[in-house]
Amino acid sequence: MEGTRPTACQPLSTSAEAPSLARLTPTQMKVLRGVHSGMLNKQIAFDLGIAEATVKAHMTALMRKLNVRNRTQVAIAAQALSLHA
């Protein structure tokens, strides 16, 4: 995938070893994929066809569900959850 633009729609692991993923809504999964790809909220919003404020709301929910405090920790959690991809 080198040289391609990251999108929020690219697959992220759905391994049975990642129970935290089961608690996420489909849109939260897409936002998580975008964060995992290094996308900004504005880019994720454009890619998903939703408002940037909606992405921020999903980020807040992701932080709560993943028990982290900031975007960097969300990205780290996404990386840890996708090791088996």
PDB file of N, CA and C in Angstrom:
ATOM      1  N   MET A   1       0.810  -1.191   0.000  1.00  0.00           N
ATOM      2  CA  MET A   1       0.000   0.000   0.000  1.00  0.00           C
ATOM      3  C   MET A   1       0.853   1.255   0.000  1.00  0.00           C
ATOM      4  N   GLU A   2       2.124   1.107  -0.200  1.00  0.00           N
ATOM      5  CA  GLU A   2       3.000   2.251  -0.203  1.00  0.00           C
ATOM      6  C   GLU A   2       2.669   3.148  -1.380  1.00  0.00           C
ATOM      7  N   GLY A   3       2.650   4.463  -1.125  1.00  0.00           N
ATOM      8  CA  GLY A   3       2.368   5.415  -2.176  1.00  0.00           C
ATOM      9  C   GLY A   3       0.892   5.693  -2.369  1.00  0.00           C
ATOM     10  N   THR A   4       0.026   5.053  -1.592  1.00  0.00           N
ATOM     11  CA  THR A   4      -1.401   5.311  -1.707  1.00  0.00           C
ATOM     12  C   THR A   4      -1.855   6.186  -0.557  1.00  0.00           C
ATOM     13  N   ARG A   5      -2.924   6.925  -0.802  1.00  0.00           N
ATOM     14  CA  ARG A   5      -3.488   7.806   0.212  1.00  0.00           C
ATOM     15  C   ARG A   5      -4.244   6.960   1.226  1.00  0.00           C
ATOM     16  N   PRO A   6      -3.982   7.168   2.521  1.00  0.00           N
ATOM     17  CA  PRO A   6      -4.727   6.403   3.518  1.00  0.00           C
ATOM     18  C   PRO A   6      -6.196   6.808   3.525  1.00  0.00           C
ATOM     19  N   THR A   7      -7.062   5.865   3.823  1.00  0.00           N
ATOM     20  CA  THR A   7      -8.481   6.171   3.960  1.00  0.00           C
ATOM     21  C   THR A   7      -8.997   5.545   5.245  1.00  0.00           C
ATOM     22  N   ALA A   8     -10.101   6.075   5.716  1.00  0.00           N
ATOM     23  CA  ALA A   8     -10.703   5.546   6.939  1.00  0.00           C
ATOM     24  C   ALA A   8     -11.413   4.224   6.668  1.00  0.00           C
ATOM     25  N   CYS A   9     -11.534   3.847   5.406  1.00  0.00           N
ATOM     26  CA  CYS A   9     -12.258   2.628   5.046  1.00  0.00           C
ATOM     27  C   CYS A   9     -11.351   1.414   4.908  1.00  0.00           C
ATOM     28  N   GLN A  10     -10.044   1.563   5.093  1.00  0.00           N
ATOM     29  CA  GLN A  10      -9.129   0.435   4.991  1.00  0.00           C
ATOM     30  C   GLN A  10      -9.336  -0.496   6.177  1.00  0.00           C
ATOM     31  N   PRO A  11      -9.153  -1.799   5.982  1.00  0.00           N
ATOM     32  CA  PRO A  11      -9.423  -2.758   7.055  1.00  0.00           C
ATOM     33  C   PRO A  11      -8.486  -2.628   8.247  1.00  0.00           C
ATOM     34  N   LEU A  12      -9.049  -2.820   9.412  1.00  0.00           N
ATOM     35  CA  LEU A  12      -8.301  -2.903  10.661  1.00  0.00           C
ATOM     36  C   LEU A  12      -8.639  -4.271  11.223  1.00  0.00           C
ATOM     37  N   SER A  13      -7.749  -4.869  11.939  1.00  0.00           N
ATOM     38  CA  SER A  13      -7.948  -6.228  12.436  1.00  0.00           C
ATOM     39  C   SER A  13      -9.265  -6.366  13.184  1.00  0.00           C
ATOM     40  N   THR A  14      -9.917  -7.493  12.983  1.00  0.00           N
ATOM     41  CA  THR A  14     -11.109  -7.828  13.763  1.00  0.00           C
ATOM     42  C   THR A  14     -10.843  -9.119  14.525  1.00  0.00           C
ATOM     43  N   SER A  15      -9.605  -9.309  14.928  1.00  0.00           N
ATOM     44  CA  SER A  15      -9.167 -10.513  15.625  1.00  0.00           C
ATOM     45  C   SER A  15      -9.974 -10.741  16.896  1.00  0.00           C
ATOM     46  N   ALA A  16     -10.209 -12.003  17.213  1.00  0.00           N
ATOM     47  CA  ALA A  16     -10.912 -12.350  18.450  1.00  0.00           C
ATOM     48  C   ALA A  16     -10.088 -11.949  19.665  1.00  0.00           C
ATOM     49  N   GLU A  17      -8.796 -11.703  19.474  1.00  0.00           N
ATOM     50  CA  GLU A  17      -7.936 -11.299  20.573  1.00  0.00           C
ATOM     51  C   GLU A  17      -8.058  -9.810  20.887  1.00  0.00           C
ATOM     52  N   ALA A  18      -8.916  -9.112  20.188  1.00  0.00           N
ATOM     53  CA  ALA A  18      -9.082  -7.681  20.385  1.00  0.00           C
ATOM     54  C   ALA A  18     -10.498  -7.377  20.875  1.00  0.00           C
ATOM     55  N   PRO A  19     -10.807  -7.702  22.140  1.00  0.00           N
ATOM     56  CA  PRO A  19     -12.166  -7.531  22.642  1.00  0.00           C
ATOM     57  C   PRO A  19     -12.636  -6.086  22.655  1.00  0.00           C
ATOM     58  N   SER A  20     -11.726  -5.118  22.740  1.00  0.00           N
ATOM     59  CA  SER A  20     -12.115  -3.717  22.752  1.00  0.00           C
ATOM     60  C   SER A  20     -12.802  -3.322  21.455  1.00  0.00           C
ATOM     61  N   LEU A  21     -12.428  -3.944  20.351  1.00  0.00           N
ATOM     62  CA  LEU A  21     -13.018  -3.612  19.060  1.00  0.00           C
ATOM     63  C   LEU A  21     -14.491  -3.990  19.003  1.00  0.00           C
ATOM     64  N   ALA A  22     -14.893  -5.012  19.714  1.00  0.00           N
ATOM     65  CA  ALA A  22     -16.277  -5.471  19.687  1.00  0.00           C
ATOM     66  C   ALA A  22     -17.235  -4.431  20.260  1.00  0.00           C
ATOM     67  N   ARG A  23     -16.728  -3.559  21.112  1.00  0.00           N
ATOM     68  CA  ARG A  23     -17.576  -2.546  21.745  1.00  0.00           C
ATOM     69  C   ARG A  23     -17.751  -1.308  20.882  1.00  0.00           C
ATOM     70  N   LEU A  24     -17.054  -1.220  19.762  1.00  0.00           N
ATOM     71  CA  LEU A  24     -17.097  -0.030  18.926  1.00  0.00           C
ATOM     72  C   LEU A  24     -18.186  -0.134  17.866  1.00  0.00           C
ATOM     73  N   THR A  25     -18.814   1.015  17.573  1.00  0.00           N
ATOM     74  CA  THR A  25     -19.805   1.060  16.500  1.00  0.00           C
ATOM     75  C   THR A  25     -19.076   1.015  15.158  1.00  0.00           C
ATOM     76  N   PRO A  26     -19.789   0.719  14.078  1.00  0.00           N
ATOM     77  CA  PRO A  26     -19.139   0.711  12.760  1.00  0.00           C
ATOM     78  C   PRO A  26     -18.471   2.048  12.411  1.00  0.00           C
ATOM     79  N   THR A  27     -19.123   3.152  12.744  1.00  0.00           N
ATOM     80  CA  THR A  27     -18.527   4.457  12.440  1.00  0.00           C
ATOM     81  C   THR A  27     -17.312   4.714  13.317  1.00  0.00           C
ATOM     82  N   GLN A  28     -17.360   4.318  14.569  1.00  0.00           N
ATOM     83  CA  GLN A  28     -16.189   4.465  15.438  1.00  0.00           C
ATOM     84  C   GLN A  28     -15.021   3.647  14.897  1.00  0.00           C
ATOM     85  N   MET A  29     -15.307   2.475  14.346  1.00  0.00           N
ATOM     86  CA  MET A  29     -14.251   1.662  13.727  1.00  0.00           C
ATOM     87  C   MET A  29     -13.629   2.398  12.550  1.00  0.00           C
ATOM     88  N   LYS A  30     -14.457   3.046  11.745  1.00  0.00           N
ATOM     89  CA  LYS A  30     -13.944   3.794  10.591  1.00  0.00           C
ATOM     90  C   LYS A  30     -13.083   4.966  11.046  1.00  0.00           C
ATOM     91  N   VAL A  31     -13.520   5.658  12.097  1.00  0.00           N
ATOM     92  CA  VAL A  31     -12.725   6.765  12.638  1.00  0.00           C
ATOM     93  C   VAL A  31     -11.406   6.223  13.185  1.00  0.00           C
ATOM     94  N   LEU A  32     -11.460   5.100  13.883  1.00  0.00           N
ATOM     95  CA  LEU A  32     -10.244   4.477  14.415  1.00  0.00           C
ATOM     96  C   LEU A  32      -9.282   4.117  13.284  1.00  0.00           C
ATOM     97  N   ARG A  33      -9.812   3.602  12.187  1.00  0.00           N
ATOM     98  CA  ARG A  33      -8.961   3.287  11.027  1.00  0.00           C
ATOM     99  C   ARG A  33      -8.292   4.550  10.490  1.00  0.00           C
ATOM    100  N   GLY A  34      -9.048   5.641  10.458  1.00  0.00           N
ATOM    101  CA  GLY A  34      -8.482   6.902   9.991  1.00  0.00           C
ATOM    102  C   GLY A  34      -7.360   7.385  10.889  1.00  0.00           C
ATOM    103  N   VAL A  35      -7.569   7.323  12.198  1.00  0.00           N
ATOM    104  CA  VAL A  35      -6.528   7.717  13.158  1.00  0.00           C
ATOM    105  C   VAL A  35      -5.318   6.803  12.991  1.00  0.00           C
ATOM    106  N   HIS A  36      -5.571   5.520  12.845  1.00  0.00           N
ATOM    107  CA  HIS A  36      -4.498   4.534  12.652  1.00  0.00           C
ATOM    108  C   HIS A  36      -3.679   4.853  11.399  1.00  0.00           C
ATOM    109  N   SER A  37      -4.344   5.400  10.378  1.00  0.00           N
ATOM    110  CA  SER A  37      -3.670   5.765   9.127  1.00  0.00           C
ATOM    111  C   SER A  37      -2.974   7.116   9.201  1.00  0.00           C
ATOM    112  N   GLY A  38      -3.163   7.839  10.311  1.00  0.00           N
ATOM    113  CA  GLY A  38      -2.520   9.140  10.471  1.00  0.00           C
ATOM    114  C   GLY A  38      -3.309  10.303   9.902  1.00  0.00           C
ATOM    115  N   MET A  39      -4.578  10.086   9.651  1.00  0.00           N
ATOM    116  CA  MET A  39      -5.413  11.136   9.073  1.00  0.00           C
ATOM    117  C   MET A  39      -5.845  12.146  10.137  1.00  0.00           C
ATOM    118  N   LEU A  40      -6.067  13.378   9.700  1.00  0.00           N
ATOM    119  CA  LEU A  40      -6.613  14.427  10.557  1.00  0.00           C
ATOM    120  C   LEU A  40      -8.128  14.258  10.643  1.00  0.00           C
ATOM    121  N   ASN A  41      -8.747  14.868  11.669  1.00  0.00           N
ATOM    122  CA  ASN A  41     -10.203  14.801  11.805  1.00  0.00           C
ATOM    123  C   ASN A  41     -10.892  15.283  10.535  1.00  0.00           C
ATOM    124  N   LYS A  42     -10.388  16.370   9.961  1.00  0.00           N
ATOM    125  CA  LYS A  42     -10.990  16.936   8.756  1.00  0.00           C
ATOM    126  C   LYS A  42     -10.920  15.935   7.597  1.00  0.00           C
ATOM    127  N   GLN A  43      -9.814  15.229   7.472  1.00  0.00           N
ATOM    128  CA  GLN A  43      -9.659  14.230   6.412  1.00  0.00           C
ATOM    129  C   GLN A  43     -10.589  13.041   6.635  1.00  0.00           C
ATOM    130  N   ILE A  44     -10.694  12.610   7.885  1.00  0.00           N
ATOM    131  CA  ILE A  44     -11.591  11.496   8.218  1.00  0.00           C
ATOM    132  C   ILE A  44     -13.030  11.898   7.899  1.00  0.00           C
ATOM    133  N   ALA A  45     -13.406  13.116   8.296  1.00  0.00           N
ATOM    134  CA  ALA A  45     -14.759  13.610   8.047  1.00  0.00           C
ATOM    135  C   ALA A  45     -15.068  13.620   6.550  1.00  0.00           C
ATOM    136  N   PHE A  46     -14.142  14.129   5.757  1.00  0.00           N
ATOM    137  CA  PHE A  46     -14.335  14.175   4.306  1.00  0.00           C
ATOM    138  C   PHE A  46     -14.474  12.764   3.743  1.00  0.00           C
ATOM    139  N   ASP A  47     -13.607  11.878   4.172  1.00  0.00           N
ATOM    140  CA  ASP A  47     -13.597  10.499   3.682  1.00  0.00           C
ATOM    141  C   ASP A  47     -14.904   9.775   4.010  1.00  0.00           C
ATOM    142  N   LEU A  48     -15.452  10.047   5.189  1.00  0.00           N
ATOM    143  CA  LEU A  48     -16.677   9.367   5.626  1.00  0.00           C
ATOM    144  C   LEU A  48     -17.949  10.124   5.261  1.00  0.00           C
ATOM    145  N   GLY A  49     -17.802  11.364   4.778  1.00  0.00           N
ATOM    146  CA  GLY A  49     -18.970  12.160   4.420  1.00  0.00           C
ATOM    147  C   GLY A  49     -19.760  12.632   5.624  1.00  0.00           C
ATOM    148  N   ILE A  50     -19.052  12.922   6.722  1.00  0.00           N
ATOM    149  CA  ILE A  50     -19.695  13.420   7.938  1.00  0.00           C
ATOM    150  C   ILE A  50     -19.016  14.717   8.366  1.00  0.00           C
ATOM    151  N   ALA A  51     -19.609  15.413   9.316  1.00  0.00           N
ATOM    152  CA  ALA A  51     -19.045  16.670   9.805  1.00  0.00           C
ATOM    153  C   ALA A  51     -17.830  16.409  10.693  1.00  0.00           C
ATOM    154  N   GLU A  52     -16.913  17.364  10.692  1.00  0.00           N
ATOM    155  CA  GLU A  52     -15.731  17.243  11.545  1.00  0.00           C
ATOM    156  C   GLU A  52     -16.132  17.147  13.018  1.00  0.00           C
ATOM    157  N   ALA A  53     -17.186  17.870  13.405  1.00  0.00           N
ATOM    158  CA  ALA A  53     -17.666  17.806  14.790  1.00  0.00           C
ATOM    159  C   ALA A  53     -18.139  16.396  15.144  1.00  0.00           C
ATOM    160  N   THR A  54     -18.695  15.693  14.174  1.00  0.00           N
ATOM    161  CA  THR A  54     -19.129  14.313  14.399  1.00  0.00           C
ATOM    162  C   THR A  54     -17.925  13.406  14.617  1.00  0.00           C
ATOM    163  N   VAL A  55     -16.858  13.644  13.857  1.00  0.00           N
ATOM    164  CA  VAL A  55     -15.625  12.873  14.052  1.00  0.00           C
ATOM    165  C   VAL A  55     -15.099  13.118  15.461  1.00  0.00           C
ATOM    166  N   LYS A  56     -15.135  14.371  15.914  1.00  0.00           N
ATOM    167  CA  LYS A  56     -14.666  14.696  17.267  1.00  0.00           C
ATOM    168  C   LYS A  56     -15.502  13.971  18.316  1.00  0.00           C
ATOM    169  N   ALA A  57     -16.803  13.887  18.087  1.00  0.00           N
ATOM    170  CA  ALA A  57     -17.676  13.167  19.026  1.00  0.00           C
ATOM    171  C   ALA A  57     -17.313  11.679  19.052  1.00  0.00           C
ATOM    172  N   HIS A  58     -17.039  11.119  17.885  1.00  0.00           N
ATOM    173  CA  HIS A  58     -16.626   9.713  17.826  1.00  0.00           C
ATOM    174  C   HIS A  58     -15.267   9.520  18.498  1.00  0.00           C
ATOM    175  N   MET A  59     -14.372  10.487  18.358  1.00  0.00           N
ATOM    176  CA  MET A  59     -13.065  10.405  19.021  1.00  0.00           C
ATOM    177  C   MET A  59     -13.241  10.388  20.539  1.00  0.00           C
ATOM    178  N   THR A  60     -14.140  11.212  21.046  1.00  0.00           N
ATOM    179  CA  THR A  60     -14.410  11.239  22.486  1.00  0.00           C
ATOM    180  C   THR A  60     -14.920   9.879  22.951  1.00  0.00           C
ATOM    181  N   ALA A  61     -15.833   9.304  22.176  1.00  0.00           N
ATOM    182  CA  ALA A  61     -16.363   7.981  22.521  1.00  0.00           C
ATOM    183  C   ALA A  61     -15.268   6.914  22.444  1.00  0.00           C
ATOM    184  N   LEU A  62     -14.406   7.012  21.422  1.00  0.00           N
ATOM    185  CA  LEU A  62     -13.292   6.064  21.297  1.00  0.00           C
ATOM    186  C   LEU A  62     -12.368   6.144  22.506  1.00  0.00           C
ATOM    187  N   MET A  63     -12.045   7.365  22.923  1.00  0.00           N
ATOM    188  CA  MET A  63     -11.152   7.531  24.075  1.00  0.00           C
ATOM    189  C   MET A  63     -11.763   6.907  25.321  1.00  0.00           C
ATOM    190  N   ARG A  64     -13.059   7.101  25.491  1.00  0.00           N
ATOM    191  CA  ARG A  64     -13.739   6.528  26.655  1.00  0.00           C
ATOM    192  C   ARG A  64     -13.734   4.997  26.577  1.00  0.00           C
ATOM    193  N   LYS A  65     -14.098   4.446  25.426  1.00  0.00           N
ATOM    194  CA  LYS A  65     -14.193   2.993  25.282  1.00  0.00           C
ATOM    195  C   LYS A  65     -12.833   2.301  25.323  1.00  0.00           C
ATOM    196  N   LEU A  66     -11.800   2.975  24.823  1.00  0.00           N
ATOM    197  CA  LEU A  66     -10.458   2.387  24.833  1.00  0.00           C
ATOM    198  C   LEU A  66      -9.693   2.732  26.105  1.00  0.00           C
ATOM    199  N   ASN A  67     -10.335   3.540  26.969  1.00  0.00           N
ATOM    200  CA  ASN A  67      -9.746   3.946  28.241  1.00  0.00           C
ATOM    201  C   ASN A  67      -8.399   4.659  28.053  1.00  0.00           C
ATOM    202  N   VAL A  68      -8.407   5.642  27.142  1.00  0.00           N
ATOM    203  CA  VAL A  68      -7.223   6.462  26.897  1.00  0.00           C
ATOM    204  C   VAL A  68      -7.611   7.929  27.009  1.00  0.00           C
ATOM    205  N   ARG A  69      -6.604   8.807  27.056  1.00  0.00           N
ATOM    206  CA  ARG A  69      -6.876  10.220  27.312  1.00  0.00           C
ATOM    207  C   ARG A  69      -6.649  11.161  26.140  1.00  0.00           C
ATOM    208  N   ASN A  70      -5.957  10.721  25.103  1.00  0.00           N
ATOM    209  CA  ASN A  70      -5.692  11.638  23.991  1.00  0.00           C
ATOM    210  C   ASN A  70      -5.577  10.884  22.668  1.00  0.00           C
ATOM    211  N   ARG A  71      -5.493  11.667  21.590  1.00  0.00           N
ATOM    212  CA  ARG A  71      -5.456  11.107  20.235  1.00  0.00           C
ATOM    213  C   ARG A  71      -4.243  10.198  20.026  1.00  0.00           C
ATOM    214  N   THR A  72      -3.111  10.584  20.585  1.00  0.00           N
ATOM    215  CA  THR A  72      -1.906   9.767  20.443  1.00  0.00           C
ATOM    216  C   THR A  72      -2.129   8.389  21.044  1.00  0.00           C
ATOM    217  N   GLN A  73      -2.760   8.347  22.214  1.00  0.00           N
ATOM    218  CA  GLN A  73      -3.037   7.061  22.845  1.00  0.00           C
ATOM    219  C   GLN A  73      -4.056   6.248  22.042  1.00  0.00           C
ATOM    220  N   VAL A  74      -4.995   6.934  21.374  1.00  0.00           N
ATOM    221  CA  VAL A  74      -5.935   6.232  20.490  1.00  0.00           C
ATOM    222  C   VAL A  74      -5.158   5.575  19.352  1.00  0.00           C
ATOM    223  N   ALA A  75      -4.216   6.319  18.768  1.00  0.00           N
ATOM    224  CA  ALA A  75      -3.408   5.778  17.668  1.00  0.00           C
ATOM    225  C   ALA A  75      -2.569   4.590  18.137  1.00  0.00           C
ATOM    226  N   ILE A  76      -2.008   4.697  19.338  1.00  0.00           N
ATOM    227  CA  ILE A  76      -1.212   3.594  19.892  1.00  0.00           C
ATOM    228  C   ILE A  76      -2.103   2.375  20.137  1.00  0.00           C
ATOM    229  N   ALA A  77      -3.295   2.605  20.681  1.00  0.00           N
ATOM    230  CA  ALA A  77      -4.236   1.504  20.915  1.00  0.00           C
ATOM    231  C   ALA A  77      -4.644   0.865  19.591  1.00  0.00           C
ATOM    232  N   ALA A  78      -4.872   1.681  18.574  1.00  0.00           N
ATOM    233  CA  ALA A  78      -5.231   1.150  17.252  1.00  0.00           C
ATOM    234  C   ALA A  78      -4.108   0.283  16.711  1.00  0.00           C
ATOM    235  N   GLN A  79      -2.878   0.727  16.885  1.00  0.00           N
ATOM    236  CA  GLN A  79      -1.722  -0.052  16.429  1.00  0.00           C
ATOM    237  C   GLN A  79      -1.648  -1.382  17.182  1.00  0.00           C
ATOM    238  N   ALA A  80      -1.833  -1.330  18.491  1.00  0.00           N
ATOM    239  CA  ALA A  80      -1.768  -2.548  19.302  1.00  0.00           C
ATOM    240  C   ALA A  80      -2.882  -3.527  18.921  1.00  0.00           C
ATOM    241  N   LEU A  81      -4.062  -3.007  18.625  1.00  0.00           N
ATOM    242  CA  LEU A  81      -5.194  -3.865  18.280  1.00  0.00           C
ATOM    243  C   LEU A  81      -5.081  -4.443  16.879  1.00  0.00           C
ATOM    244  N   SER A  82      -4.242  -3.860  16.042  1.00  0.00           N
ATOM    245  CA  SER A  82      -4.159  -4.325  14.655  1.00  0.00           C
ATOM    246  C   SER A  82      -2.884  -5.108  14.371  1.00  0.00           C
ATOM    247  N   LEU A  83      -2.177  -5.543  15.384  1.00  0.00           N
ATOM    248  CA  LEU A  83      -0.937  -6.288  15.184  1.00  0.00           C
ATOM    249  C   LEU A  83      -1.146  -7.580  14.415  1.00  0.00           C
ATOM    250  N   HIS A  84      -2.340  -8.122  14.465  1.00  0.00           N
ATOM    251  CA  HIS A  84      -2.620  -9.397  13.800  1.00  0.00           C
ATOM    252  C   HIS A  84      -3.272  -9.199  12.444  1.00  0.00           C
ATOM    253  N   ALA A  85      -3.218  -7.980  11.911  1.00  0.00           N
ATOM    254  CA  ALA A  85      -3.862  -7.685  10.620  1.00  0.00           C
ATOM    255  C   ALA A  85      -3.122  -8.349   9.480  1.00  0.00           C
TER     256      ALA A  85
END
